[in-house]
């Protein structure tokens, strides 16, 4: 679960920071970066993993520099590359989603009013728009978690990490009931994220009703 936690935290931080930074840029630069992100998201996950592994091995053989640990062993487990690989495409998809949400928020009345008052672009985004985007991010969180979970299975196998797959195999070798329980554990992060999104949505709706 450490890879899941680190990957989820990385995806949220990278997605929010990069998408907000892109929205601060001029329109023509923003369109080019959005096109680059759209193109990159079409890359297969396995291709990214193999390219990263090849790059690390090439640098080690050519220059004798060991950047990261590639495979897990008896006492050590790689973390940086697995977390990076698991987070890469989900972070890009989150950036895509947030860019669309930010663009929709930009044309709403409260943003136009803030611009008319002379507020800076940064103040509008971080004080007003971001507050309305966070509930949408939490609602979208379950999709990100599912994406990360499916990637973890592939990454654990390719990097030889003793993680979820090992636990499932050990349960399966004993009894069927623990095996089923281990599979149901996949749903726990999604259920928690859905519960959090539901709570935040209720509070936001109450706040809107009280302000009317």
N, C-alpha and C. Protein backbone atom coordinates (compact mmCIF):
# COMPACT_ATOMS: atom_id res chain seq x y z
N UNK A 1 0.81 -1.21 0.00
CA UNK A 1 0.00 0.00 0.00
C UNK A 1 0.84 1.26 0.00
N UNK A 2 2.15 1.13 0.29
CA UNK A 2 3.00 2.32 0.30
C UNK A 2 3.13 2.90 -1.10
N UNK A 3 3.23 2.02 -2.11
CA UNK A 3 3.31 2.51 -3.49
C UNK A 3 2.02 3.21 -3.88
N UNK A 4 0.88 2.64 -3.49
CA UNK A 4 -0.41 3.28 -3.78
C UNK A 4 -0.50 4.66 -3.14
N UNK A 5 -0.09 4.77 -1.87
CA UNK A 5 -0.17 6.05 -1.16
C UNK A 5 0.75 7.09 -1.79
N UNK A 6 2.00 6.68 -2.06
CA UNK A 6 2.95 7.61 -2.67
C UNK A 6 2.51 8.01 -4.08
N UNK A 7 2.00 7.05 -4.84
CA UNK A 7 1.56 7.35 -6.20
C UNK A 7 0.36 8.29 -6.20
N UNK A 8 -0.60 8.03 -5.31
CA UNK A 8 -1.79 8.89 -5.25
C UNK A 8 -1.43 10.31 -4.85
N UNK A 9 -0.55 10.44 -3.84
CA UNK A 9 -0.10 11.77 -3.42
C UNK A 9 0.64 12.48 -4.55
N UNK A 10 1.50 11.74 -5.26
CA UNK A 10 2.25 12.32 -6.37
C UNK A 10 1.32 12.79 -7.48
N UNK A 11 0.32 11.96 -7.81
CA UNK A 11 -0.61 12.31 -8.89
C UNK A 11 -1.38 13.58 -8.56
N UNK A 12 -1.87 13.68 -7.32
CA UNK A 12 -2.65 14.86 -6.93
C UNK A 12 -1.79 16.11 -6.95
N UNK A 13 -0.60 16.03 -6.34
CA UNK A 13 0.28 17.21 -6.29
C UNK A 13 0.72 17.65 -7.68
N UNK A 14 1.18 16.68 -8.47
CA UNK A 14 1.65 17.00 -9.83
C UNK A 14 0.50 17.53 -10.68
N UNK A 15 -0.66 16.87 -10.59
CA UNK A 15 -1.80 17.29 -11.39
C UNK A 15 -2.26 18.70 -11.07
N UNK A 16 -2.40 19.01 -9.79
CA UNK A 16 -2.89 20.33 -9.39
C UNK A 16 -1.86 21.41 -9.71
N UNK A 17 -0.60 21.17 -9.36
CA UNK A 17 0.43 22.19 -9.55
C UNK A 17 0.66 22.48 -11.05
N UNK A 18 0.82 21.43 -11.85
CA UNK A 18 1.11 21.63 -13.27
C UNK A 18 -0.08 22.23 -14.01
N UNK A 19 -1.29 21.74 -13.73
CA UNK A 19 -2.47 22.28 -14.41
C UNK A 19 -2.67 23.76 -14.05
N UNK A 20 -2.48 24.13 -12.78
CA UNK A 20 -2.61 25.53 -12.38
C UNK A 20 -1.52 26.38 -13.02
N UNK A 21 -0.30 25.84 -13.10
CA UNK A 21 0.80 26.58 -13.73
C UNK A 21 0.54 26.79 -15.21
N UNK A 22 -0.01 25.78 -15.88
CA UNK A 22 -0.33 25.92 -17.31
C UNK A 22 -1.38 27.00 -17.53
N UNK A 23 -2.37 27.06 -16.66
CA UNK A 23 -3.43 28.06 -16.81
C UNK A 23 -2.93 29.48 -16.59
N UNK A 24 -1.77 29.63 -15.95
CA UNK A 24 -1.17 30.95 -15.76
C UNK A 24 -0.45 31.45 -17.01
N UNK A 25 -0.19 30.57 -17.95
CA UNK A 25 0.58 30.90 -19.14
C UNK A 25 -0.30 31.56 -20.21
N UNK A 26 0.33 32.20 -21.19
CA UNK A 26 -0.45 32.76 -22.31
C UNK A 26 -1.22 31.68 -23.06
N UNK A 27 -2.28 32.09 -23.77
CA UNK A 27 -3.18 31.14 -24.41
C UNK A 27 -2.47 30.27 -25.44
N UNK A 28 -1.58 30.86 -26.27
CA UNK A 28 -0.91 30.06 -27.31
C UNK A 28 0.02 29.01 -26.71
N UNK A 29 0.73 29.37 -25.63
CA UNK A 29 1.60 28.40 -24.95
C UNK A 29 0.76 27.32 -24.30
N UNK A 30 -0.36 27.71 -23.72
CA UNK A 30 -1.25 26.76 -23.06
C UNK A 30 -1.78 25.72 -24.06
N UNK A 31 -2.14 26.15 -25.25
CA UNK A 31 -2.65 25.22 -26.27
C UNK A 31 -1.57 24.22 -26.70
N UNK A 32 -0.33 24.70 -26.84
CA UNK A 32 0.75 23.80 -27.24
C UNK A 32 1.03 22.75 -26.16
N UNK A 33 1.07 23.18 -24.92
CA UNK A 33 1.30 22.23 -23.83
C UNK A 33 0.15 21.23 -23.71
N UNK A 34 -1.06 21.70 -23.90
CA UNK A 34 -2.21 20.80 -23.84
C UNK A 34 -2.13 19.76 -24.96
N UNK A 35 -1.70 20.19 -26.15
CA UNK A 35 -1.54 19.25 -27.25
C UNK A 35 -0.47 18.22 -26.96
N UNK A 36 0.63 18.66 -26.33
CA UNK A 36 1.70 17.73 -25.97
C UNK A 36 1.22 16.72 -24.94
N UNK A 37 0.46 17.16 -23.97
CA UNK A 37 -0.08 16.26 -22.95
C UNK A 37 -1.06 15.26 -23.57
N UNK A 38 -1.91 15.75 -24.46
CA UNK A 38 -2.86 14.86 -25.14
C UNK A 38 -2.13 13.78 -25.94
N UNK A 39 -1.03 14.17 -26.58
CA UNK A 39 -0.26 13.21 -27.36
C UNK A 39 0.43 12.18 -26.46
N UNK A 40 0.97 12.64 -25.34
CA UNK A 40 1.72 11.75 -24.44
C UNK A 40 0.81 10.72 -23.78
N UNK A 41 -0.44 11.09 -23.52
CA UNK A 41 -1.35 10.16 -22.86
C UNK A 41 -1.70 8.97 -23.74
N UNK A 42 -1.41 9.05 -25.03
CA UNK A 42 -1.69 7.92 -25.92
C UNK A 42 -0.60 6.85 -25.85
N UNK A 43 0.51 7.15 -25.17
CA UNK A 43 1.60 6.18 -25.07
C UNK A 43 1.20 5.02 -24.16
N UNK A 44 1.48 3.77 -24.56
CA UNK A 44 1.15 2.62 -23.70
C UNK A 44 2.00 2.63 -22.43
N UNK A 45 1.42 2.13 -21.36
CA UNK A 45 2.11 2.08 -20.07
C UNK A 45 3.37 1.22 -20.14
N UNK A 46 3.27 0.09 -20.83
CA UNK A 46 4.41 -0.82 -20.93
C UNK A 46 5.58 -0.18 -21.67
N UNK A 47 5.27 0.63 -22.68
CA UNK A 47 6.32 1.32 -23.42
C UNK A 47 7.10 2.26 -22.52
N UNK A 48 6.40 2.98 -21.66
CA UNK A 48 7.05 3.90 -20.73
C UNK A 48 7.95 3.14 -19.76
N UNK A 49 7.45 2.00 -19.26
CA UNK A 49 8.24 1.19 -18.32
C UNK A 49 9.52 0.70 -18.98
N UNK A 50 9.40 0.14 -20.19
CA UNK A 50 10.56 -0.40 -20.88
C UNK A 50 11.58 0.69 -21.23
N UNK A 51 11.09 1.87 -21.63
CA UNK A 51 12.00 2.97 -21.95
C UNK A 51 12.77 3.44 -20.71
N UNK A 52 12.09 3.52 -19.58
CA UNK A 52 12.76 3.93 -18.35
C UNK A 52 13.80 2.89 -17.91
N UNK A 53 13.43 1.62 -18.00
CA UNK A 53 14.37 0.57 -17.63
C UNK A 53 15.59 0.58 -18.55
N UNK A 54 15.35 0.75 -19.83
CA UNK A 54 16.45 0.80 -20.79
C UNK A 54 17.37 1.99 -20.53
N UNK A 55 16.78 3.15 -20.20
CA UNK A 55 17.57 4.35 -19.94
C UNK A 55 18.48 4.14 -18.72
N UNK A 56 17.91 3.57 -17.64
CA UNK A 56 18.69 3.35 -16.42
C UNK A 56 19.83 2.36 -16.69
N UNK A 57 19.53 1.28 -17.40
CA UNK A 57 20.55 0.26 -17.69
C UNK A 57 21.63 0.83 -18.60
N UNK A 58 21.22 1.63 -19.59
CA UNK A 58 22.18 2.23 -20.53
C UNK A 58 23.14 3.17 -19.79
N UNK A 59 22.61 4.02 -18.92
CA UNK A 59 23.46 4.96 -18.17
C UNK A 59 24.41 4.20 -17.25
N UNK A 60 23.91 3.12 -16.65
CA UNK A 60 24.76 2.34 -15.73
C UNK A 60 25.89 1.65 -16.50
N UNK A 61 25.58 1.06 -17.66
CA UNK A 61 26.60 0.36 -18.43
C UNK A 61 27.58 1.33 -19.09
N UNK A 62 27.10 2.49 -19.51
CA UNK A 62 27.95 3.44 -20.23
C UNK A 62 28.80 4.28 -19.29
N UNK A 63 28.21 4.78 -18.23
CA UNK A 63 28.89 5.72 -17.35
C UNK A 63 29.16 5.16 -15.95
N UNK A 64 28.65 3.97 -15.65
CA UNK A 64 28.85 3.38 -14.34
C UNK A 64 28.06 4.06 -13.24
N UNK A 65 27.02 4.80 -13.63
CA UNK A 65 26.20 5.52 -12.65
C UNK A 65 24.89 4.77 -12.45
N UNK A 66 24.62 4.36 -11.22
CA UNK A 66 23.38 3.67 -10.90
C UNK A 66 22.37 4.69 -10.39
N UNK A 67 21.45 5.08 -11.27
CA UNK A 67 20.48 6.10 -10.90
C UNK A 67 19.47 5.59 -9.89
N UNK A 68 18.84 4.46 -10.20
CA UNK A 68 17.80 3.92 -9.34
C UNK A 68 17.91 2.40 -9.32
N UNK A 69 17.33 1.82 -8.28
CA UNK A 69 17.22 0.37 -8.21
C UNK A 69 16.06 -0.07 -9.08
N UNK A 70 16.31 -1.03 -9.96
CA UNK A 70 15.29 -1.46 -10.91
C UNK A 70 14.41 -2.58 -10.40
N UNK A 71 15.01 -3.55 -9.72
CA UNK A 71 14.26 -4.74 -9.35
C UNK A 71 14.36 -5.00 -7.85
N UNK A 72 13.31 -5.61 -7.31
CA UNK A 72 13.29 -5.94 -5.91
C UNK A 72 14.05 -7.21 -5.61
N UNK A 73 14.57 -7.28 -4.39
CA UNK A 73 15.31 -8.46 -3.95
C UNK A 73 14.76 -8.98 -2.64
N UNK A 74 15.59 -9.73 -1.95
CA UNK A 74 15.16 -10.33 -0.69
C UNK A 74 14.94 -9.28 0.40
N UNK A 75 15.81 -8.27 0.44
CA UNK A 75 15.74 -7.30 1.53
C UNK A 75 15.46 -5.88 1.08
N UNK A 76 15.61 -5.60 -0.21
CA UNK A 76 15.40 -4.25 -0.71
C UNK A 76 14.31 -4.24 -1.78
N UNK A 77 13.59 -3.11 -1.85
CA UNK A 77 12.54 -2.94 -2.83
C UNK A 77 12.72 -1.59 -3.52
N UNK A 78 12.58 -1.54 -4.85
CA UNK A 78 12.65 -0.25 -5.53
C UNK A 78 11.38 0.55 -5.27
N UNK A 79 11.52 1.87 -5.15
CA UNK A 79 10.36 2.71 -4.90
C UNK A 79 10.21 3.83 -5.91
N UNK A 80 11.33 4.53 -6.23
CA UNK A 80 11.20 5.73 -7.06
C UNK A 80 10.62 5.41 -8.44
N UNK A 81 11.26 4.48 -9.17
CA UNK A 81 10.78 4.16 -10.51
C UNK A 81 9.36 3.58 -10.51
N UNK A 82 9.05 2.61 -9.64
CA UNK A 82 7.66 2.12 -9.62
C UNK A 82 6.63 3.22 -9.36
N UNK A 83 6.92 4.09 -8.39
CA UNK A 83 5.99 5.18 -8.09
C UNK A 83 5.89 6.13 -9.28
N UNK A 84 7.01 6.41 -9.92
CA UNK A 84 7.01 7.31 -11.08
C UNK A 84 6.19 6.71 -12.22
N UNK A 85 6.41 5.42 -12.49
CA UNK A 85 5.71 4.76 -13.59
C UNK A 85 4.21 4.69 -13.31
N UNK A 86 3.85 4.32 -12.07
CA UNK A 86 2.45 4.22 -11.70
C UNK A 86 1.76 5.58 -11.77
N UNK A 87 2.50 6.66 -11.46
CA UNK A 87 1.90 7.99 -11.37
C UNK A 87 1.89 8.73 -12.70
N UNK A 88 2.72 8.33 -13.65
CA UNK A 88 2.96 9.14 -14.84
C UNK A 88 1.68 9.40 -15.63
N UNK A 89 1.07 8.37 -16.17
CA UNK A 89 -0.13 8.55 -16.99
C UNK A 89 -1.34 9.03 -16.17
N UNK A 90 -1.59 8.52 -14.96
CA UNK A 90 -2.69 9.09 -14.17
C UNK A 90 -2.53 10.58 -13.91
N UNK A 91 -1.29 11.03 -13.70
CA UNK A 91 -1.06 12.47 -13.49
C UNK A 91 -1.39 13.26 -14.75
N UNK A 92 -1.02 12.72 -15.92
CA UNK A 92 -1.35 13.40 -17.17
C UNK A 92 -2.85 13.45 -17.40
N UNK A 93 -3.54 12.36 -17.10
CA UNK A 93 -5.00 12.36 -17.25
C UNK A 93 -5.65 13.33 -16.27
N UNK A 94 -5.10 13.44 -15.07
CA UNK A 94 -5.63 14.40 -14.10
C UNK A 94 -5.39 15.83 -14.59
N UNK A 95 -4.23 16.08 -15.16
CA UNK A 95 -3.94 17.40 -15.72
C UNK A 95 -4.94 17.74 -16.82
N UNK A 96 -5.20 16.77 -17.71
CA UNK A 96 -6.20 16.98 -18.76
C UNK A 96 -7.56 17.35 -18.17
N UNK A 97 -7.96 16.61 -17.17
CA UNK A 97 -9.27 16.85 -16.55
C UNK A 97 -9.32 18.22 -15.88
N UNK A 98 -8.28 18.56 -15.13
CA UNK A 98 -8.27 19.85 -14.43
C UNK A 98 -8.20 21.02 -15.39
N UNK A 99 -7.48 20.87 -16.49
CA UNK A 99 -7.43 21.95 -17.49
C UNK A 99 -8.82 22.23 -18.05
N UNK A 100 -9.58 21.18 -18.29
CA UNK A 100 -10.96 21.36 -18.77
C UNK A 100 -11.82 22.02 -17.70
N UNK A 101 -11.67 21.59 -16.45
CA UNK A 101 -12.45 22.17 -15.36
C UNK A 101 -12.09 23.64 -15.17
N UNK A 102 -10.79 23.94 -15.19
CA UNK A 102 -10.36 25.33 -15.06
C UNK A 102 -10.92 26.20 -16.19
N UNK A 103 -10.90 25.66 -17.41
CA UNK A 103 -11.42 26.42 -18.55
C UNK A 103 -12.92 26.68 -18.40
N UNK A 104 -13.66 25.71 -17.87
CA UNK A 104 -15.10 25.91 -17.64
C UNK A 104 -15.35 26.95 -16.55
N UNK A 105 -14.50 26.94 -15.52
CA UNK A 105 -14.68 27.89 -14.42
C UNK A 105 -14.34 29.32 -14.85
N UNK A 106 -13.44 29.46 -15.81
CA UNK A 106 -12.99 30.79 -16.23
C UNK A 106 -14.11 31.64 -16.81
N UNK A 107 -15.12 31.02 -17.38
CA UNK A 107 -16.19 31.79 -18.05
C UNK A 107 -17.41 31.99 -17.15
N UNK A 108 -17.31 31.57 -15.89
CA UNK A 108 -18.45 31.72 -14.97
C UNK A 108 -18.50 33.15 -14.43
N UNK A 109 -19.68 33.51 -13.93
CA UNK A 109 -19.93 34.91 -13.54
C UNK A 109 -19.00 35.39 -12.43
N UNK A 110 -18.75 34.54 -11.44
CA UNK A 110 -17.93 34.99 -10.31
C UNK A 110 -16.49 35.30 -10.74
N UNK A 111 -15.99 34.60 -11.76
CA UNK A 111 -14.65 34.88 -12.28
C UNK A 111 -14.65 36.18 -13.07
N UNK A 112 -15.68 36.37 -13.89
CA UNK A 112 -15.79 37.63 -14.66
C UNK A 112 -15.92 38.82 -13.73
N UNK A 113 -16.66 38.65 -12.63
CA UNK A 113 -16.80 39.72 -11.65
C UNK A 113 -15.47 40.02 -10.98
N UNK A 114 -14.72 38.97 -10.64
CA UNK A 114 -13.41 39.17 -10.01
C UNK A 114 -12.45 39.89 -10.95
N UNK A 115 -12.51 39.57 -12.25
CA UNK A 115 -11.66 40.27 -13.22
C UNK A 115 -12.07 41.72 -13.34
N UNK A 116 -13.38 41.97 -13.30
CA UNK A 116 -13.86 43.35 -13.40
C UNK A 116 -13.41 44.18 -12.20
N UNK A 117 -13.22 43.52 -11.05
CA UNK A 117 -12.74 44.23 -9.86
C UNK A 117 -11.24 44.47 -9.90
N UNK A 118 -10.57 43.91 -10.90
CA UNK A 118 -9.13 44.13 -11.04
C UNK A 118 -8.25 43.15 -10.30
N UNK A 119 -8.82 42.02 -9.86
CA UNK A 119 -8.01 41.02 -9.17
C UNK A 119 -7.05 40.35 -10.14
N UNK A 120 -5.88 40.01 -9.64
CA UNK A 120 -4.87 39.37 -10.48
C UNK A 120 -5.31 37.94 -10.85
N UNK A 121 -4.69 37.40 -11.90
CA UNK A 121 -5.03 36.05 -12.36
C UNK A 121 -4.70 35.01 -11.28
N UNK A 122 -3.57 35.19 -10.61
CA UNK A 122 -3.18 34.25 -9.56
C UNK A 122 -4.16 34.27 -8.40
N UNK A 123 -4.60 35.46 -8.00
CA UNK A 123 -5.56 35.58 -6.90
C UNK A 123 -6.89 34.93 -7.25
N UNK A 124 -7.33 35.12 -8.48
CA UNK A 124 -8.60 34.54 -8.92
C UNK A 124 -8.53 33.01 -8.88
N UNK A 125 -7.41 32.48 -9.35
CA UNK A 125 -7.28 31.03 -9.41
C UNK A 125 -7.15 30.40 -8.03
N UNK A 126 -6.22 30.91 -7.25
CA UNK A 126 -5.90 30.24 -5.99
C UNK A 126 -6.85 30.60 -4.85
N UNK A 127 -7.58 31.70 -4.99
CA UNK A 127 -8.49 32.08 -3.92
C UNK A 127 -9.94 31.75 -4.24
N UNK A 128 -10.29 31.72 -5.51
CA UNK A 128 -11.68 31.52 -5.89
C UNK A 128 -11.91 30.24 -6.70
N UNK A 129 -11.21 30.10 -7.82
CA UNK A 129 -11.44 28.95 -8.70
C UNK A 129 -11.04 27.65 -8.02
N UNK A 130 -9.89 27.64 -7.37
CA UNK A 130 -9.40 26.41 -6.75
C UNK A 130 -10.37 25.87 -5.70
N UNK A 131 -11.03 26.77 -5.00
CA UNK A 131 -11.99 26.36 -3.97
C UNK A 131 -13.16 25.59 -4.58
N UNK A 132 -13.55 25.95 -5.80
CA UNK A 132 -14.66 25.26 -6.47
C UNK A 132 -14.20 24.01 -7.22
N UNK A 133 -12.91 23.93 -7.50
CA UNK A 133 -12.38 22.78 -8.25
C UNK A 133 -12.10 21.59 -7.33
N UNK A 134 -11.74 21.85 -6.09
CA UNK A 134 -11.38 20.77 -5.16
C UNK A 134 -12.49 19.72 -5.01
N UNK A 135 -13.77 20.10 -4.83
CA UNK A 135 -14.81 19.05 -4.76
C UNK A 135 -14.88 18.19 -6.02
N UNK A 136 -14.69 18.81 -7.19
CA UNK A 136 -14.70 18.05 -8.45
C UNK A 136 -13.51 17.10 -8.52
N UNK A 137 -12.38 17.56 -7.98
CA UNK A 137 -11.20 16.70 -7.93
C UNK A 137 -11.44 15.49 -7.04
N UNK A 138 -12.06 15.69 -5.90
CA UNK A 138 -12.35 14.58 -4.98
C UNK A 138 -13.33 13.59 -5.60
N UNK A 139 -14.31 14.09 -6.35
CA UNK A 139 -15.25 13.20 -7.02
C UNK A 139 -14.54 12.38 -8.09
N UNK A 140 -13.59 12.99 -8.76
CA UNK A 140 -12.84 12.30 -9.82
C UNK A 140 -11.76 11.38 -9.26
N UNK A 141 -11.56 11.43 -7.96
CA UNK A 141 -10.46 10.69 -7.32
C UNK A 141 -10.61 9.18 -7.48
N UNK A 142 -11.83 8.68 -7.48
CA UNK A 142 -12.03 7.23 -7.59
C UNK A 142 -11.53 6.69 -8.92
N UNK A 143 -11.67 7.48 -9.99
CA UNK A 143 -11.16 7.07 -11.30
C UNK A 143 -9.65 6.98 -11.28
N UNK A 144 -9.02 7.96 -10.63
CA UNK A 144 -7.56 7.96 -10.53
C UNK A 144 -7.07 6.76 -9.73
N UNK A 145 -7.75 6.45 -8.63
CA UNK A 145 -7.34 5.32 -7.79
C UNK A 145 -7.46 4.01 -8.55
N UNK A 146 -8.55 3.83 -9.30
CA UNK A 146 -8.69 2.61 -10.09
C UNK A 146 -7.57 2.49 -11.11
N UNK A 147 -7.23 3.61 -11.74
CA UNK A 147 -6.16 3.62 -12.73
C UNK A 147 -4.83 3.24 -12.08
N UNK A 148 -4.55 3.79 -10.92
CA UNK A 148 -3.32 3.49 -10.20
C UNK A 148 -3.28 2.02 -9.78
N UNK A 149 -4.40 1.50 -9.29
CA UNK A 149 -4.45 0.11 -8.84
C UNK A 149 -4.17 -0.86 -9.99
N UNK A 150 -4.74 -0.60 -11.15
CA UNK A 150 -4.48 -1.48 -12.29
C UNK A 150 -3.02 -1.40 -12.74
N UNK A 151 -2.42 -0.23 -12.62
CA UNK A 151 -1.01 -0.08 -12.98
C UNK A 151 -0.09 -0.78 -11.98
N UNK A 152 -0.48 -0.79 -10.71
CA UNK A 152 0.35 -1.39 -9.67
C UNK A 152 0.57 -2.87 -9.94
N UNK A 153 -0.46 -3.57 -10.41
CA UNK A 153 -0.33 -5.00 -10.69
C UNK A 153 0.77 -5.23 -11.73
N UNK A 154 0.77 -4.44 -12.79
CA UNK A 154 1.78 -4.59 -13.85
C UNK A 154 3.16 -4.22 -13.33
N UNK A 155 3.23 -3.13 -12.58
CA UNK A 155 4.52 -2.63 -12.09
C UNK A 155 5.15 -3.61 -11.09
N UNK A 156 4.34 -4.17 -10.21
CA UNK A 156 4.87 -5.15 -9.23
C UNK A 156 5.46 -6.36 -9.94
N UNK A 157 4.82 -6.79 -11.00
CA UNK A 157 5.32 -7.95 -11.74
C UNK A 157 6.62 -7.62 -12.47
N UNK A 158 6.65 -6.48 -13.17
CA UNK A 158 7.82 -6.13 -13.98
C UNK A 158 9.03 -5.74 -13.14
N UNK A 159 8.80 -5.14 -11.96
CA UNK A 159 9.90 -4.72 -11.11
C UNK A 159 10.19 -5.73 -9.99
N UNK A 160 9.50 -6.86 -10.02
CA UNK A 160 9.73 -7.93 -9.05
C UNK A 160 9.58 -7.42 -7.61
N UNK A 161 8.45 -6.78 -7.36
CA UNK A 161 8.17 -6.20 -6.04
C UNK A 161 7.24 -7.12 -5.26
N UNK A 162 7.59 -7.37 -4.02
CA UNK A 162 6.74 -8.19 -3.15
C UNK A 162 5.62 -7.32 -2.58
N UNK A 163 4.54 -7.26 -3.33
CA UNK A 163 3.44 -6.41 -2.92
C UNK A 163 2.12 -7.13 -2.94
N UNK A 164 1.15 -6.53 -3.60
CA UNK A 164 -0.20 -7.04 -3.57
C UNK A 164 -0.31 -8.43 -4.21
N UNK A 165 0.40 -8.65 -5.31
CA UNK A 165 0.32 -9.94 -6.00
C UNK A 165 0.79 -11.07 -5.09
N UNK A 166 1.86 -10.83 -4.35
CA UNK A 166 2.37 -11.86 -3.43
C UNK A 166 1.35 -12.19 -2.35
N UNK A 167 0.67 -11.15 -1.83
CA UNK A 167 -0.34 -11.36 -0.79
C UNK A 167 -1.50 -12.19 -1.33
N UNK A 168 -1.94 -11.85 -2.53
CA UNK A 168 -3.05 -12.59 -3.13
C UNK A 168 -2.67 -14.05 -3.36
N UNK A 169 -1.46 -14.29 -3.85
CA UNK A 169 -1.01 -15.66 -4.10
C UNK A 169 -0.92 -16.47 -2.80
N UNK A 170 -0.44 -15.83 -1.74
CA UNK A 170 -0.34 -16.54 -0.46
C UNK A 170 -1.71 -16.89 0.10
N UNK A 171 -2.67 -15.99 -0.06
CA UNK A 171 -4.03 -16.27 0.37
C UNK A 171 -4.68 -17.37 -0.46
N UNK A 172 -4.42 -17.32 -1.75
CA UNK A 172 -5.01 -18.31 -2.66
C UNK A 172 -4.49 -19.71 -2.36
N UNK A 173 -3.24 -19.78 -1.94
CA UNK A 173 -2.66 -21.09 -1.64
C UNK A 173 -3.24 -21.69 -0.37
N UNK A 174 -3.86 -20.87 0.48
CA UNK A 174 -4.41 -21.37 1.74
C UNK A 174 -5.90 -21.70 1.62
N UNK A 175 -6.71 -20.67 1.45
CA UNK A 175 -8.15 -20.87 1.38
C UNK A 175 -8.73 -19.89 0.39
N UNK A 176 -9.95 -20.19 -0.04
CA UNK A 176 -10.61 -19.33 -1.01
C UNK A 176 -11.16 -18.06 -0.38
N UNK A 177 -11.58 -18.13 0.90
CA UNK A 177 -12.18 -16.96 1.55
C UNK A 177 -11.19 -15.81 1.69
N UNK A 178 -9.96 -16.05 2.23
CA UNK A 178 -9.00 -14.95 2.28
C UNK A 178 -8.65 -14.41 0.90
N UNK A 179 -8.68 -15.27 -0.11
CA UNK A 179 -8.40 -14.83 -1.47
C UNK A 179 -9.47 -13.83 -1.93
N UNK A 180 -10.72 -14.15 -1.66
CA UNK A 180 -11.81 -13.25 -2.03
C UNK A 180 -11.69 -11.93 -1.26
N UNK A 181 -11.33 -12.03 0.03
CA UNK A 181 -11.17 -10.82 0.84
C UNK A 181 -10.04 -9.95 0.29
N UNK A 182 -8.96 -10.59 -0.13
CA UNK A 182 -7.84 -9.82 -0.68
C UNK A 182 -8.23 -9.11 -1.97
N UNK A 183 -9.08 -9.75 -2.77
CA UNK A 183 -9.56 -9.09 -3.98
C UNK A 183 -10.48 -7.91 -3.65
N UNK A 184 -11.29 -8.09 -2.60
CA UNK A 184 -12.18 -7.00 -2.20
C UNK A 184 -11.42 -5.80 -1.66
N UNK A 185 -10.17 -6.02 -1.22
CA UNK A 185 -9.36 -4.91 -0.71
C UNK A 185 -9.11 -3.87 -1.80
N UNK A 186 -9.21 -4.30 -3.06
CA UNK A 186 -9.07 -3.36 -4.16
C UNK A 186 -10.11 -2.25 -4.06
N UNK A 187 -11.30 -2.61 -3.57
CA UNK A 187 -12.40 -1.65 -3.54
C UNK A 187 -12.30 -0.67 -2.39
N UNK A 188 -11.49 -0.98 -1.37
CA UNK A 188 -11.42 -0.13 -0.18
C UNK A 188 -10.98 1.30 -0.50
N UNK A 189 -9.87 1.52 -1.22
CA UNK A 189 -9.48 2.91 -1.52
C UNK A 189 -10.53 3.66 -2.34
N UNK A 190 -11.19 2.95 -3.25
CA UNK A 190 -12.22 3.60 -4.07
C UNK A 190 -13.42 3.98 -3.22
N UNK A 191 -13.83 3.09 -2.33
CA UNK A 191 -14.97 3.39 -1.45
C UNK A 191 -14.66 4.57 -0.54
N UNK A 192 -13.44 4.62 0.01
CA UNK A 192 -13.05 5.73 0.87
C UNK A 192 -13.04 7.05 0.12
N UNK A 193 -12.50 7.04 -1.12
CA UNK A 193 -12.48 8.26 -1.92
C UNK A 193 -13.89 8.71 -2.27
N UNK A 194 -14.77 7.74 -2.57
CA UNK A 194 -16.16 8.07 -2.88
C UNK A 194 -16.86 8.66 -1.66
N UNK A 195 -16.59 8.12 -0.47
CA UNK A 195 -17.18 8.65 0.76
C UNK A 195 -16.70 10.06 1.03
N UNK A 196 -15.41 10.30 0.82
CA UNK A 196 -14.87 11.64 1.02
C UNK A 196 -15.49 12.64 0.05
N UNK A 197 -15.63 12.24 -1.21
CA UNK A 197 -16.25 13.12 -2.20
C UNK A 197 -17.71 13.41 -1.84
N UNK A 198 -18.41 12.41 -1.32
CA UNK A 198 -19.82 12.60 -0.93
C UNK A 198 -19.94 13.59 0.23
N UNK A 199 -19.05 13.47 1.20
CA UNK A 199 -19.08 14.39 2.34
C UNK A 199 -18.78 15.83 1.91
N UNK A 200 -17.76 15.98 1.07
CA UNK A 200 -17.39 17.32 0.60
C UNK A 200 -18.52 17.93 -0.24
N UNK A 201 -19.16 17.12 -1.09
CA UNK A 201 -20.25 17.61 -1.92
C UNK A 201 -21.42 18.09 -1.07
N UNK A 202 -21.75 17.33 -0.04
CA UNK A 202 -22.85 17.73 0.85
C UNK A 202 -22.53 19.06 1.53
N UNK A 203 -21.30 19.20 2.01
CA UNK A 203 -20.92 20.46 2.68
C UNK A 203 -20.96 21.65 1.72
N UNK A 204 -20.50 21.43 0.48
CA UNK A 204 -20.52 22.50 -0.51
C UNK A 204 -21.96 22.89 -0.84
N UNK A 205 -22.85 21.92 -0.97
CA UNK A 205 -24.25 22.22 -1.27
C UNK A 205 -24.91 22.98 -0.12
N UNK A 206 -24.58 22.60 1.12
CA UNK A 206 -25.13 23.32 2.27
C UNK A 206 -24.64 24.76 2.30
N UNK A 207 -23.36 24.93 1.98
CA UNK A 207 -22.81 26.29 1.99
C UNK A 207 -23.49 27.16 0.93
N UNK A 208 -23.75 26.55 -0.26
CA UNK A 208 -24.42 27.30 -1.31
C UNK A 208 -25.85 27.66 -0.92
N UNK A 209 -26.56 26.72 -0.26
CA UNK A 209 -27.92 26.99 0.17
C UNK A 209 -27.97 28.08 1.24
N UNK A 210 -26.99 28.08 2.14
CA UNK A 210 -26.95 29.11 3.19
C UNK A 210 -26.62 30.48 2.64
N UNK A 211 -25.89 30.51 1.54
CA UNK A 211 -25.50 31.79 0.95
C UNK A 211 -26.62 32.41 0.12
N UNK A 212 -27.66 31.59 -0.22
CA UNK A 212 -28.77 32.12 -1.03
C UNK A 212 -29.71 32.97 -0.18
